[in-house]
Amino acid sequence: MNGLNTILIVVGLFLAGGVYSFQKQQMPKSVVILLAIGSAMCLAAGVLRIQGIWE
């Protein structure tokens, strides 16, 4: 596992925490959805890089 994988996963988890926090604060739904999409993309990219599927 190299540095980029770690960074992608950490950023994805950070954004996932933001989704939870923004949802609790009743932020606009569009902001929550964008944050959730960003989180999912970062986590998926990190996992795919760890598996060696996406280099």
PDB file of N, CA and C in Angstrom:
ATOM      1  N   MET A   1       0.859  -1.180   0.000  1.00  0.00           N
ATOM      2  CA  MET A   1       0.000   0.000   0.000  1.00  0.00           C
ATOM      3  C   MET A   1       0.894   1.227   0.000  1.00  0.00           C
ATOM      4  N   ASN A   2       0.707   2.102  -0.969  1.00  0.00           N
ATOM      5  CA  ASN A   2       1.538   3.296  -1.008  1.00  0.00           C
ATOM      6  C   ASN A   2       0.785   4.513  -0.479  1.00  0.00           C
ATOM      7  N   GLY A   3       1.424   5.650  -0.527  1.00  0.00           N
ATOM      8  CA  GLY A   3       0.868   6.861   0.071  1.00  0.00           C
ATOM      9  C   GLY A   3      -0.433   7.325  -0.543  1.00  0.00           C
ATOM     10  N   LEU A   4      -0.557   7.211  -1.879  1.00  0.00           N
ATOM     11  CA  LEU A   4      -1.770   7.696  -2.533  1.00  0.00           C
ATOM     12  C   LEU A   4      -2.992   6.886  -2.103  1.00  0.00           C
ATOM     13  N   ASN A   5      -2.827   5.571  -1.962  1.00  0.00           N
ATOM     14  CA  ASN A   5      -3.940   4.742  -1.485  1.00  0.00           C
ATOM     15  C   ASN A   5      -4.400   5.213  -0.121  1.00  0.00           C
ATOM     16  N   THR A   6      -3.445   5.434   0.761  1.00  0.00           N
ATOM     17  CA  THR A   6      -3.763   5.871   2.121  1.00  0.00           C
ATOM     18  C   THR A   6      -4.468   7.214   2.109  1.00  0.00           C
ATOM     19  N   ILE A   7      -3.958   8.138   1.320  1.00  0.00           N
ATOM     20  CA  ILE A   7      -4.569   9.475   1.243  1.00  0.00           C
ATOM     21  C   ILE A   7      -5.999   9.385   0.726  1.00  0.00           C
ATOM     22  N   LEU A   8      -6.225   8.593  -0.318  1.00  0.00           N
ATOM     23  CA  LEU A   8      -7.577   8.460  -0.877  1.00  0.00           C
ATOM     24  C   LEU A   8      -8.552   7.893   0.149  1.00  0.00           C
ATOM     25  N   ILE A   9      -8.113   6.883   0.883  1.00  0.00           N
ATOM     26  CA  ILE A   9      -8.996   6.267   1.873  1.00  0.00           C
ATOM     27  C   ILE A   9      -9.254   7.218   3.041  1.00  0.00           C
ATOM     28  N   VAL A  10      -8.223   7.917   3.504  1.00  0.00           N
ATOM     29  CA  VAL A  10      -8.406   8.861   4.609  1.00  0.00           C
ATOM     30  C   VAL A  10      -9.330  10.005   4.199  1.00  0.00           C
ATOM     31  N   VAL A  11      -9.146  10.533   3.000  1.00  0.00           N
ATOM     32  CA  VAL A  11     -10.027  11.619   2.525  1.00  0.00           C
ATOM     33  C   VAL A  11     -11.458  11.107   2.378  1.00  0.00           C
ATOM     34  N   GLY A  12     -11.612   9.894   1.872  1.00  0.00           N
ATOM     35  CA  GLY A  12     -12.953   9.306   1.745  1.00  0.00           C
ATOM     36  C   GLY A  12     -13.649   9.159   3.083  1.00  0.00           C
ATOM     37  N   LEU A  13     -12.906   8.696   4.087  1.00  0.00           N
ATOM     38  CA  LEU A  13     -13.495   8.553   5.428  1.00  0.00           C
ATOM     39  C   LEU A  13     -13.803   9.917   6.041  1.00  0.00           C
ATOM     40  N   PHE A  14     -12.932  10.896   5.799  1.00  0.00           N
ATOM     41  CA  PHE A  14     -13.174  12.257   6.284  1.00  0.00           C
ATOM     42  C   PHE A  14     -14.455  12.821   5.669  1.00  0.00           C
ATOM     43  N   LEU A  15     -14.617  12.621   4.368  1.00  0.00           N
ATOM     44  CA  LEU A  15     -15.831  13.104   3.703  1.00  0.00           C
ATOM     45  C   LEU A  15     -17.068  12.347   4.181  1.00  0.00           C
ATOM     46  N   ALA A  16     -16.920  11.067   4.473  1.00  0.00           N
ATOM     47  CA  ALA A  16     -18.054  10.292   5.001  1.00  0.00           C
ATOM     48  C   ALA A  16     -18.489  10.856   6.354  1.00  0.00           C
ATOM     49  N   GLY A  17     -17.530  11.238   7.187  1.00  0.00           N
ATOM     50  CA  GLY A  17     -17.863  11.892   8.451  1.00  0.00           C
ATOM     51  C   GLY A  17     -18.564  13.218   8.226  1.00  0.00           C
ATOM     52  N   GLY A  18     -18.145  13.929   7.187  1.00  0.00           N
ATOM     53  CA  GLY A  18     -18.799  15.188   6.834  1.00  0.00           C
ATOM     54  C   GLY A  18     -20.239  14.978   6.404  1.00  0.00           C
ATOM     55  N   VAL A  19     -20.493  13.898   5.690  1.00  0.00           N
ATOM     56  CA  VAL A  19     -21.863  13.587   5.273  1.00  0.00           C
ATOM     57  C   VAL A  19     -22.741  13.410   6.502  1.00  0.00           C
ATOM     58  N   TYR A  20     -22.262  12.646   7.456  1.00  0.00           N
ATOM     59  CA  TYR A  20     -23.032  12.408   8.691  1.00  0.00           C
ATOM     60  C   TYR A  20     -23.281  13.723   9.433  1.00  0.00           C
ATOM     61  N   SER A  21     -22.227  14.528   9.554  1.00  0.00           N
ATOM     62  CA  SER A  21     -22.343  15.792  10.275  1.00  0.00           C
ATOM     63  C   SER A  21     -23.297  16.753   9.566  1.00  0.00           C
ATOM     64  N   PHE A  22     -23.156  16.871   8.245  1.00  0.00           N
ATOM     65  CA  PHE A  22     -24.023  17.782   7.500  1.00  0.00           C
ATOM     66  C   PHE A  22     -25.471  17.327   7.549  1.00  0.00           C
ATOM     67  N   GLN A  23     -25.694  16.008   7.537  1.00  0.00           N
ATOM     68  CA  GLN A  23     -27.054  15.491   7.616  1.00  0.00           C
ATOM     69  C   GLN A  23     -27.674  15.838   8.968  1.00  0.00           C
ATOM     70  N   LYS A  24     -26.886  15.714  10.050  1.00  0.00           N
ATOM     71  CA  LYS A  24     -27.398  16.050  11.381  1.00  0.00           C
ATOM     72  C   LYS A  24     -27.702  17.543  11.505  1.00  0.00           C
ATOM     73  N   GLN A  25     -26.938  18.382  10.798  1.00  0.00           N
ATOM     74  CA  GLN A  25     -27.140  19.829  10.859  1.00  0.00           C
ATOM     75  C   GLN A  25     -28.233  20.302   9.908  1.00  0.00           C
ATOM     76  N   GLN A  26     -28.847  19.366   9.200  1.00  0.00           N
ATOM     77  CA  GLN A  26     -29.934  19.671   8.268  1.00  0.00           C
ATOM     78  C   GLN A  26     -29.475  20.625   7.158  1.00  0.00           C
ATOM     79  N   MET A  27     -28.279  20.373   6.644  1.00  0.00           N
ATOM     80  CA  MET A  27     -27.763  21.162   5.518  1.00  0.00           C
ATOM     81  C   MET A  27     -28.588  20.825   4.273  1.00  0.00           C
ATOM     82  N   PRO A  28     -28.488  21.666   3.230  1.00  0.00           N
ATOM     83  CA  PRO A  28     -29.245  21.363   1.999  1.00  0.00           C
ATOM     84  C   PRO A  28     -28.900  19.979   1.452  1.00  0.00           C
ATOM     85  N   LYS A  29     -29.903  19.313   0.961  1.00  0.00           N
ATOM     86  CA  LYS A  29     -29.734  17.939   0.491  1.00  0.00           C
ATOM     87  C   LYS A  29     -28.710  17.846  -0.635  1.00  0.00           C
ATOM     88  N   SER A  30     -28.626  18.855  -1.483  1.00  0.00           N
ATOM     89  CA  SER A  30     -27.671  18.808  -2.599  1.00  0.00           C
ATOM     90  C   SER A  30     -26.224  18.790  -2.090  1.00  0.00           C
ATOM     91  N   VAL A  31     -25.935  19.508  -1.019  1.00  0.00           N
ATOM     92  CA  VAL A  31     -24.585  19.518  -0.441  1.00  0.00           C
ATOM     93  C   VAL A  31     -24.247  18.154   0.129  1.00  0.00           C
ATOM     94  N   VAL A  32     -25.190  17.547   0.811  1.00  0.00           N
ATOM     95  CA  VAL A  32     -24.989  16.227   1.401  1.00  0.00           C
ATOM     96  C   VAL A  32     -24.756  15.193   0.299  1.00  0.00           C
ATOM     97  N   ILE A  33     -25.516  15.268  -0.775  1.00  0.00           N
ATOM     98  CA  ILE A  33     -25.365  14.312  -1.878  1.00  0.00           C
ATOM     99  C   ILE A  33     -24.010  14.463  -2.549  1.00  0.00           C
ATOM    100  N   LEU A  34     -23.577  15.695  -2.812  1.00  0.00           N
ATOM    101  CA  LEU A  34     -22.268  15.918  -3.424  1.00  0.00           C
ATOM    102  C   LEU A  34     -21.142  15.394  -2.544  1.00  0.00           C
ATOM    103  N   LEU A  35     -21.259  15.619  -1.256  1.00  0.00           N
ATOM    104  CA  LEU A  35     -20.250  15.135  -0.323  1.00  0.00           C
ATOM    105  C   LEU A  35     -20.238  13.603  -0.289  1.00  0.00           C
ATOM    106  N   ALA A  36     -21.401  12.994  -0.330  1.00  0.00           N
ATOM    107  CA  ALA A  36     -21.485  11.533  -0.338  1.00  0.00           C
ATOM    108  C   ALA A  36     -20.875  10.950  -1.610  1.00  0.00           C
ATOM    109  N   ILE A  37     -21.108  11.586  -2.742  1.00  0.00           N
ATOM    110  CA  ILE A  37     -20.527  11.116  -4.007  1.00  0.00           C
ATOM    111  C   ILE A  37     -19.005  11.234  -3.961  1.00  0.00           C
ATOM    112  N   GLY A  38     -18.505  12.348  -3.456  1.00  0.00           N
ATOM    113  CA  GLY A  38     -17.052  12.520  -3.331  1.00  0.00           C
ATOM    114  C   GLY A  38     -16.441  11.480  -2.422  1.00  0.00           C
ATOM    115  N   SER A  39     -17.112  11.192  -1.332  1.00  0.00           N
ATOM    116  CA  SER A  39     -16.630  10.185  -0.391  1.00  0.00           C
ATOM    117  C   SER A  39     -16.573   8.813  -1.048  1.00  0.00           C
ATOM    118  N   ALA A  40     -17.632   8.449  -1.723  1.00  0.00           N
ATOM    119  CA  ALA A  40     -17.686   7.143  -2.382  1.00  0.00           C
ATOM    120  C   ALA A  40     -16.613   7.023  -3.456  1.00  0.00           C
ATOM    121  N   MET A  41     -16.373   8.088  -4.202  1.00  0.00           N
ATOM    122  CA  MET A  41     -15.354   8.054  -5.246  1.00  0.00           C
ATOM    123  C   MET A  41     -13.960   7.883  -4.656  1.00  0.00           C
ATOM    124  N   CYS A  42     -13.655   8.596  -3.591  1.00  0.00           N
ATOM    125  CA  CYS A  42     -12.335   8.477  -2.954  1.00  0.00           C
ATOM    126  C   CYS A  42     -12.127   7.087  -2.374  1.00  0.00           C
ATOM    127  N   LEU A  43     -13.126   6.573  -1.677  1.00  0.00           N
ATOM    128  CA  LEU A  43     -13.000   5.243  -1.092  1.00  0.00           C
ATOM    129  C   LEU A  43     -12.865   4.170  -2.172  1.00  0.00           C
ATOM    130  N   ALA A  44     -13.659   4.273  -3.234  1.00  0.00           N
ATOM    131  CA  ALA A  44     -13.583   3.284  -4.311  1.00  0.00           C
ATOM    132  C   ALA A  44     -12.221   3.338  -5.002  1.00  0.00           C
ATOM    133  N   ALA A  45     -11.714   4.527  -5.262  1.00  0.00           N
ATOM    134  CA  ALA A  45     -10.407   4.647  -5.914  1.00  0.00           C
ATOM    135  C   ALA A  45      -9.307   4.071  -5.031  1.00  0.00           C
ATOM    136  N   GLY A  46      -9.356   4.328  -3.744  1.00  0.00           N
ATOM    137  CA  GLY A  46      -8.357   3.786  -2.835  1.00  0.00           C
ATOM    138  C   GLY A  46      -8.387   2.271  -2.786  1.00  0.00           C
ATOM    139  N   VAL A  47      -9.568   1.705  -2.716  1.00  0.00           N
ATOM    140  CA  VAL A  47      -9.702   0.242  -2.652  1.00  0.00           C
ATOM    141  C   VAL A  47      -9.271  -0.389  -3.981  1.00  0.00           C
ATOM    142  N   LEU A  48      -9.660   0.215  -5.096  1.00  0.00           N
ATOM    143  CA  LEU A  48      -9.262  -0.333  -6.396  1.00  0.00           C
ATOM    144  C   LEU A  48      -7.748  -0.283  -6.582  1.00  0.00           C
ATOM    145  N   ARG A  49      -7.119   0.771  -6.078  1.00  0.00           N
ATOM    146  CA  ARG A  49      -5.654   0.859  -6.181  1.00  0.00           C
ATOM    147  C   ARG A  49      -4.987  -0.181  -5.291  1.00  0.00           C
ATOM    148  N   ILE A  50      -5.554  -0.453  -4.126  1.00  0.00           N
ATOM    149  CA  ILE A  50      -4.981  -1.475  -3.237  1.00  0.00           C
ATOM    150  C   ILE A  50      -5.075  -2.845  -3.907  1.00  0.00           C
ATOM    151  N   GLN A  51      -6.201  -3.116  -4.569  1.00  0.00           N
ATOM    152  CA  GLN A  51      -6.401  -4.409  -5.214  1.00  0.00           C
ATOM    153  C   GLN A  51      -5.574  -4.550  -6.490  1.00  0.00           C
ATOM    154  N   GLY A  52      -5.010  -3.448  -6.976  1.00  0.00           N
ATOM    155  CA  GLY A  52      -4.214  -3.497  -8.199  1.00  0.00           C
ATOM    156  C   GLY A  52      -5.034  -3.452  -9.469  1.00  0.00           C
ATOM    157  N   ILE A  53      -6.314  -3.157  -9.343  1.00  0.00           N
ATOM    158  CA  ILE A  53      -7.192  -3.115 -10.508  1.00  0.00           C
ATOM    159  C   ILE A  53      -6.971  -1.819 -11.287  1.00  0.00           C
ATOM    160  N   TRP A  54      -6.758  -0.738 -10.556  1.00  0.00           N
ATOM    161  CA  TRP A  54      -6.598   0.582 -11.176  1.00  0.00           C
ATOM    162  C   TRP A  54      -5.251   1.140 -10.764  1.00  0.00           C
ATOM    163  N   GLU A  55      -4.379   1.363 -11.724  1.00  0.00           N
ATOM    164  CA  GLU A  55      -3.041   1.845 -11.379  1.00  0.00           C
ATOM    165  C   GLU A  55      -2.826   3.229 -11.867  1.00  0.00           C
TER     166      GLU A  55
END
